[in-house]
Amino acid sequence: MHFEEFGRSFSHRIFTTRFTFVFFLLNTPAEVFPGQSEVIGSPQPIVAVVGDDVILPCRLEPQLNVEDLTVEWTRRDLRAEYVHLHRDGREMLAMKNPLYSGRTALSRDGLKHGDISLKITNVTLADGGKYRCFLPKLNSRKKESIVQLVVLGESSGGFICL
């Protein structure tokens, strides 16, 4: 075999190996890569009644302490889209949509265990919509989840008024 033929054969093997490896990475479930957490939200809509407190579930699986990571809860249909922004271990109030002022919280203990669920107090009809739970600096292929909140009118004698 001539040196030139060997070089082409060797290059072909390297390309084939790289292609196979990239294909494997793109088509392998995240569970195969230990240590990589995924953001998991509720696949079903969350239903609340006006005036109630509600929790929009979102967590990391497997669990991971996210106290020091940025956690963003947003609604893209709002002009100021941040519903809750946790950065550098605290809530960033200046960037929060005023409609949610004083009404949202993340669990401090929950953050230690990968629970990034959002609590909204005193729910209003305007709170209904799709919420995005997002960890921009998470080392994972799945950094976000969408949770839908459906808000029903106030209950009156066992009936729901819309």
C-alpha atoms as a PDB file:
ATOM      1  CA  MET A   1       0.000   0.000   0.000  1.00  0.00           C
ATOM      2  CA  HIS A   2       1.394   3.389  -0.948  1.00  0.00           C
ATOM      3  CA  PHE A   3       1.667   6.191   1.573  1.00  0.00           C
ATOM      4  CA  GLU A   4      -0.991   8.234  -0.285  1.00  0.00           C
ATOM      5  CA  GLU A   5      -3.507   5.350  -0.210  1.00  0.00           C
ATOM      6  CA  PHE A   6      -2.777   4.770   3.473  1.00  0.00           C
ATOM      7  CA  GLY A   7      -3.457   8.476   4.190  1.00  0.00           C
ATOM      8  CA  ARG A   8      -6.843   8.385   2.416  1.00  0.00           C
ATOM      9  CA  SER A   9      -7.796   5.149   4.165  1.00  0.00           C
ATOM     10  CA  PHE A  10      -6.746   6.549   7.546  1.00  0.00           C
ATOM     11  CA  SER A  11      -8.683   9.808   6.956  1.00  0.00           C
ATOM     12  CA  HIS A  12     -11.770   7.812   5.968  1.00  0.00           C
ATOM     13  CA  ARG A  13     -11.582   5.757   9.195  1.00  0.00           C
ATOM     14  CA  ILE A  14     -11.254   8.903  11.344  1.00  0.00           C
ATOM     15  CA  PHE A  15     -14.254  10.525   9.587  1.00  0.00           C
ATOM     16  CA  THR A  16     -16.350   7.363  10.013  1.00  0.00           C
ATOM     17  CA  THR A  17     -15.401   7.109  13.693  1.00  0.00           C
ATOM     18  CA  ARG A  18     -16.224  10.791  14.359  1.00  0.00           C
ATOM     19  CA  PHE A  19     -19.532  10.532  12.495  1.00  0.00           C
ATOM     20  CA  THR A  20     -20.495   7.410  14.441  1.00  0.00           C
ATOM     21  CA  PHE A  21     -19.609   9.054  17.764  1.00  0.00           C
ATOM     22  CA  VAL A  22     -21.593  12.246  16.990  1.00  0.00           C
ATOM     23  CA  PHE A  23     -24.555  10.157  15.806  1.00  0.00           C
ATOM     24  CA  PHE A  24     -24.373   8.167  19.060  1.00  0.00           C
ATOM     25  CA  LEU A  25     -24.339  11.342  21.183  1.00  0.00           C
ATOM     26  CA  LEU A  26     -27.310  12.889  19.397  1.00  0.00           C
ATOM     27  CA  ASN A  27     -29.403   9.752  19.592  1.00  0.00           C
ATOM     28  CA  THR A  28     -28.638   8.627  23.116  1.00  0.00           C
ATOM     29  CA  PRO A  29     -31.129   9.297  25.926  1.00  0.00           C
ATOM     30  CA  ALA A  30     -29.854  11.682  28.616  1.00  0.00           C
ATOM     31  CA  GLU A  31     -30.108   8.930  31.254  1.00  0.00           C
ATOM     32  CA  VAL A  32     -27.019   7.313  29.718  1.00  0.00           C
ATOM     33  CA  PHE A  33     -24.902  10.330  30.690  1.00  0.00           C
ATOM     34  CA  PRO A  34     -24.613  10.225  34.471  1.00  0.00           C
ATOM     35  CA  GLY A  35     -24.569  13.549  36.268  1.00  0.00           C
ATOM     36  CA  GLN A  36     -26.628  15.369  33.643  1.00  0.00           C
ATOM     37  CA  SER A  37     -29.874  16.585  35.124  1.00  0.00           C
ATOM     38  CA  GLU A  38     -32.924  17.358  33.010  1.00  0.00           C
ATOM     39  CA  VAL A  39     -35.629  19.937  33.710  1.00  0.00           C
ATOM     40  CA  ILE A  40     -38.980  18.179  34.174  1.00  0.00           C
ATOM     41  CA  GLY A  41     -42.305  20.043  34.368  1.00  0.00           C
ATOM     42  CA  SER A  42     -45.901  18.896  34.518  1.00  0.00           C
ATOM     43  CA  PRO A  43     -47.140  17.304  31.288  1.00  0.00           C
ATOM     44  CA  GLN A  44     -50.721  18.111  32.389  1.00  0.00           C
ATOM     45  CA  PRO A  45     -52.145  21.624  32.827  1.00  0.00           C
ATOM     46  CA  ILE A  46     -52.289  22.879  36.413  1.00  0.00           C
ATOM     47  CA  VAL A  47     -55.765  24.127  37.404  1.00  0.00           C
ATOM     48  CA  ALA A  48     -56.386  26.807  40.029  1.00  0.00           C
ATOM     49  CA  VAL A  49     -59.321  28.931  41.169  1.00  0.00           C
ATOM     50  CA  VAL A  50     -59.098  32.727  41.437  1.00  0.00           C
ATOM     51  CA  GLY A  51     -57.778  33.676  44.882  1.00  0.00           C
ATOM     52  CA  ASP A  52     -56.038  30.327  45.483  1.00  0.00           C
ATOM     53  CA  ASP A  53     -52.330  29.720  45.882  1.00  0.00           C
ATOM     54  CA  VAL A  54     -50.852  27.375  43.286  1.00  0.00           C
ATOM     55  CA  ILE A  55     -47.569  25.581  42.699  1.00  0.00           C
ATOM     56  CA  LEU A  56     -46.275  25.156  39.156  1.00  0.00           C
ATOM     57  CA  PRO A  57     -44.170  21.985  39.391  1.00  0.00           C
ATOM     58  CA  CYS A  58     -40.705  21.912  37.901  1.00  0.00           C
ATOM     59  CA  ARG A  59     -37.712  19.871  39.070  1.00  0.00           C
ATOM     60  CA  LEU A  60     -34.374  18.483  38.057  1.00  0.00           C
ATOM     61  CA  GLU A  61     -33.951  14.772  37.578  1.00  0.00           C
ATOM     62  CA  PRO A  62     -31.669  13.472  38.915  1.00  0.00           C
ATOM     63  CA  GLN A  63     -31.661  15.960  41.789  1.00  0.00           C
ATOM     64  CA  LEU A  64     -29.053  18.704  41.761  1.00  0.00           C
ATOM     65  CA  ASN A  65     -28.428  21.624  44.110  1.00  0.00           C
ATOM     66  CA  VAL A  66     -29.317  24.752  42.083  1.00  0.00           C
ATOM     67  CA  GLU A  67     -29.118  27.387  44.848  1.00  0.00           C
ATOM     68  CA  ASP A  68     -26.340  29.180  42.967  1.00  0.00           C
ATOM     69  CA  LEU A  69     -27.718  28.721  39.440  1.00  0.00           C
ATOM     70  CA  THR A  70     -29.977  31.132  37.583  1.00  0.00           C
ATOM     71  CA  VAL A  71     -33.606  29.998  37.586  1.00  0.00           C
ATOM     72  CA  GLU A  72     -35.960  31.839  35.234  1.00  0.00           C
ATOM     73  CA  TRP A  73     -39.737  31.609  35.242  1.00  0.00           C
ATOM     74  CA  THR A  74     -41.172  33.528  32.298  1.00  0.00           C
ATOM     75  CA  ARG A  75     -44.316  34.082  30.269  1.00  0.00           C
ATOM     76  CA  ARG A  76     -43.524  35.038  26.706  1.00  0.00           C
ATOM     77  CA  ASP A  77     -46.951  36.593  26.207  1.00  0.00           C
ATOM     78  CA  LEU A  78     -46.158  39.349  28.737  1.00  0.00           C
ATOM     79  CA  ARG A  79     -44.281  42.529  27.890  1.00  0.00           C
ATOM     80  CA  ALA A  80     -42.031  42.162  30.940  1.00  0.00           C
ATOM     81  CA  GLU A  81     -41.734  38.404  30.720  1.00  0.00           C
ATOM     82  CA  TYR A  82     -39.970  37.568  34.020  1.00  0.00           C
ATOM     83  CA  VAL A  83     -42.477  36.160  36.478  1.00  0.00           C
ATOM     84  CA  HIS A  84     -39.668  35.156  38.853  1.00  0.00           C
ATOM     85  CA  LEU A  85     -35.913  35.440  38.416  1.00  0.00           C
ATOM     86  CA  HIS A  86     -33.494  33.786  40.861  1.00  0.00           C
ATOM     87  CA  ARG A  87     -29.847  34.717  40.312  1.00  0.00           C
ATOM     88  CA  ASP A  88     -26.780  34.700  42.554  1.00  0.00           C
ATOM     89  CA  GLY A  89     -28.770  33.089  45.384  1.00  0.00           C
ATOM     90  CA  ARG A  90     -31.565  35.678  45.503  1.00  0.00           C
ATOM     91  CA  GLU A  91     -34.641  36.960  43.686  1.00  0.00           C
ATOM     92  CA  MET A  92     -34.003  39.755  41.187  1.00  0.00           C
ATOM     93  CA  LEU A  93     -36.961  42.058  41.883  1.00  0.00           C
ATOM     94  CA  ALA A  94     -35.997  44.839  39.455  1.00  0.00           C
ATOM     95  CA  MET A  95     -36.571  42.596  36.418  1.00  0.00           C
ATOM     96  CA  LYS A  96     -39.862  41.086  37.613  1.00  0.00           C
ATOM     97  CA  ASN A  97     -43.193  41.775  35.949  1.00  0.00           C
ATOM     98  CA  PRO A  98     -45.170  44.066  38.328  1.00  0.00           C
ATOM     99  CA  LEU A  99     -48.266  41.835  38.015  1.00  0.00           C
ATOM    100  CA  TYR A 100     -46.394  39.221  40.070  1.00  0.00           C
ATOM    101  CA  SER A 101     -44.832  41.554  42.626  1.00  0.00           C
ATOM    102  CA  GLY A 102     -44.943  39.961  46.083  1.00  0.00           C
ATOM    103  CA  ARG A 103     -46.822  36.896  44.778  1.00  0.00           C
ATOM    104  CA  THR A 104     -44.143  34.409  43.685  1.00  0.00           C
ATOM    105  CA  ALA A 105     -41.589  32.303  45.517  1.00  0.00           C
ATOM    106  CA  LEU A 106     -39.195  29.402  45.105  1.00  0.00           C
ATOM    107  CA  SER A 107     -38.516  27.048  48.004  1.00  0.00           C
ATOM    108  CA  ARG A 108     -35.030  27.634  49.473  1.00  0.00           C
ATOM    109  CA  ASP A 109     -34.906  24.034  50.706  1.00  0.00           C
ATOM    110  CA  GLY A 110     -36.321  22.821  47.412  1.00  0.00           C
ATOM    111  CA  LEU A 111     -33.533  24.491  45.424  1.00  0.00           C
ATOM    112  CA  LYS A 112     -31.008  22.385  47.351  1.00  0.00           C
ATOM    113  CA  HIS A 113     -32.697  19.257  45.980  1.00  0.00           C
ATOM    114  CA  GLY A 114     -33.447  20.383  42.421  1.00  0.00           C
ATOM    115  CA  ASP A 115     -37.027  21.504  43.106  1.00  0.00           C
ATOM    116  CA  ILE A 116     -37.519  24.707  41.122  1.00  0.00           C
ATOM    117  CA  SER A 117     -41.320  24.763  41.393  1.00  0.00           C
ATOM    118  CA  LEU A 118     -42.892  28.217  41.422  1.00  0.00           C
ATOM    119  CA  LYS A 119     -45.492  29.184  44.019  1.00  0.00           C
ATOM    120  CA  ILE A 120     -47.950  31.896  42.954  1.00  0.00           C
ATOM    121  CA  THR A 121     -50.188  33.316  45.672  1.00  0.00           C
ATOM    122  CA  ASN A 122     -53.608  34.931  45.229  1.00  0.00           C
ATOM    123  CA  VAL A 123     -54.067  33.694  41.652  1.00  0.00           C
ATOM    124  CA  THR A 124     -55.932  35.980  39.232  1.00  0.00           C
ATOM    125  CA  LEU A 125     -57.583  35.229  35.889  1.00  0.00           C
ATOM    126  CA  ALA A 126     -54.704  37.097  34.213  1.00  0.00           C
ATOM    127  CA  ASP A 127     -52.268  34.482  35.607  1.00  0.00           C
ATOM    128  CA  GLY A 128     -53.579  31.827  33.225  1.00  0.00           C
ATOM    129  CA  GLY A 129     -51.121  30.877  30.479  1.00  0.00           C
ATOM    130  CA  LYS A 130     -47.939  29.018  29.599  1.00  0.00           C
ATOM    131  CA  TYR A 131     -44.978  29.415  31.934  1.00  0.00           C
ATOM    132  CA  ARG A 132     -41.418  28.550  31.013  1.00  0.00           C
ATOM    133  CA  CYS A 133     -39.117  27.136  33.689  1.00  0.00           C
ATOM    134  CA  PHE A 134     -35.526  27.605  32.468  1.00  0.00           C
ATOM    135  CA  LEU A 135     -32.005  27.130  33.827  1.00  0.00           C
ATOM    136  CA  PRO A 136     -29.741  28.817  31.253  1.00  0.00           C
ATOM    137  CA  LYS A 137     -26.439  27.656  32.793  1.00  0.00           C
ATOM    138  CA  LEU A 138     -27.464  24.047  33.436  1.00  0.00           C
ATOM    139  CA  ASN A 139     -25.056  21.591  31.829  1.00  0.00           C
ATOM    140  CA  SER A 140     -27.756  19.571  30.096  1.00  0.00           C
ATOM    141  CA  ARG A 141     -29.506  19.055  26.792  1.00  0.00           C
ATOM    142  CA  LYS A 142     -32.904  19.752  28.448  1.00  0.00           C
ATOM    143  CA  LYS A 143     -32.708  23.083  30.276  1.00  0.00           C
ATOM    144  CA  GLU A 144     -36.363  24.090  30.185  1.00  0.00           C
ATOM    145  CA  SER A 145     -39.934  22.942  30.535  1.00  0.00           C
ATOM    146  CA  ILE A 146     -43.304  24.544  29.834  1.00  0.00           C
ATOM    147  CA  VAL A 147     -46.047  24.401  32.473  1.00  0.00           C
ATOM    148  CA  GLN A 148     -49.570  25.526  31.623  1.00  0.00           C
ATOM    149  CA  LEU A 149     -51.774  27.175  34.252  1.00  0.00           C
ATOM    150  CA  VAL A 150     -55.544  27.211  33.774  1.00  0.00           C
ATOM    151  CA  VAL A 151     -57.383  29.626  36.073  1.00  0.00           C
ATOM    152  CA  LEU A 152     -61.092  29.237  36.789  1.00  0.00           C
ATOM    153  CA  GLY A 153     -63.370  31.966  38.172  1.00  0.00           C
ATOM    154  CA  GLU A 154     -64.227  32.180  41.872  1.00  0.00           C
ATOM    155  CA  SER A 155     -66.184  29.299  43.361  1.00  0.00           C
ATOM    156  CA  SER A 156     -69.645  30.106  44.638  1.00  0.00           C
ATOM    157  CA  GLY A 157     -71.544  27.497  46.622  1.00  0.00           C
ATOM    158  CA  GLY A 158     -69.744  24.586  44.989  1.00  0.00           C
ATOM    159  CA  PHE A 159     -70.068  25.944  41.436  1.00  0.00           C
ATOM    160  CA  ILE A 160     -67.325  27.534  39.404  1.00  0.00           C
ATOM    161  CA  CYS A 161     -68.264  30.929  37.938  1.00  0.00           C
ATOM    162  CA  LEU A 162     -66.511  31.818  34.684  1.00  0.00           C
END
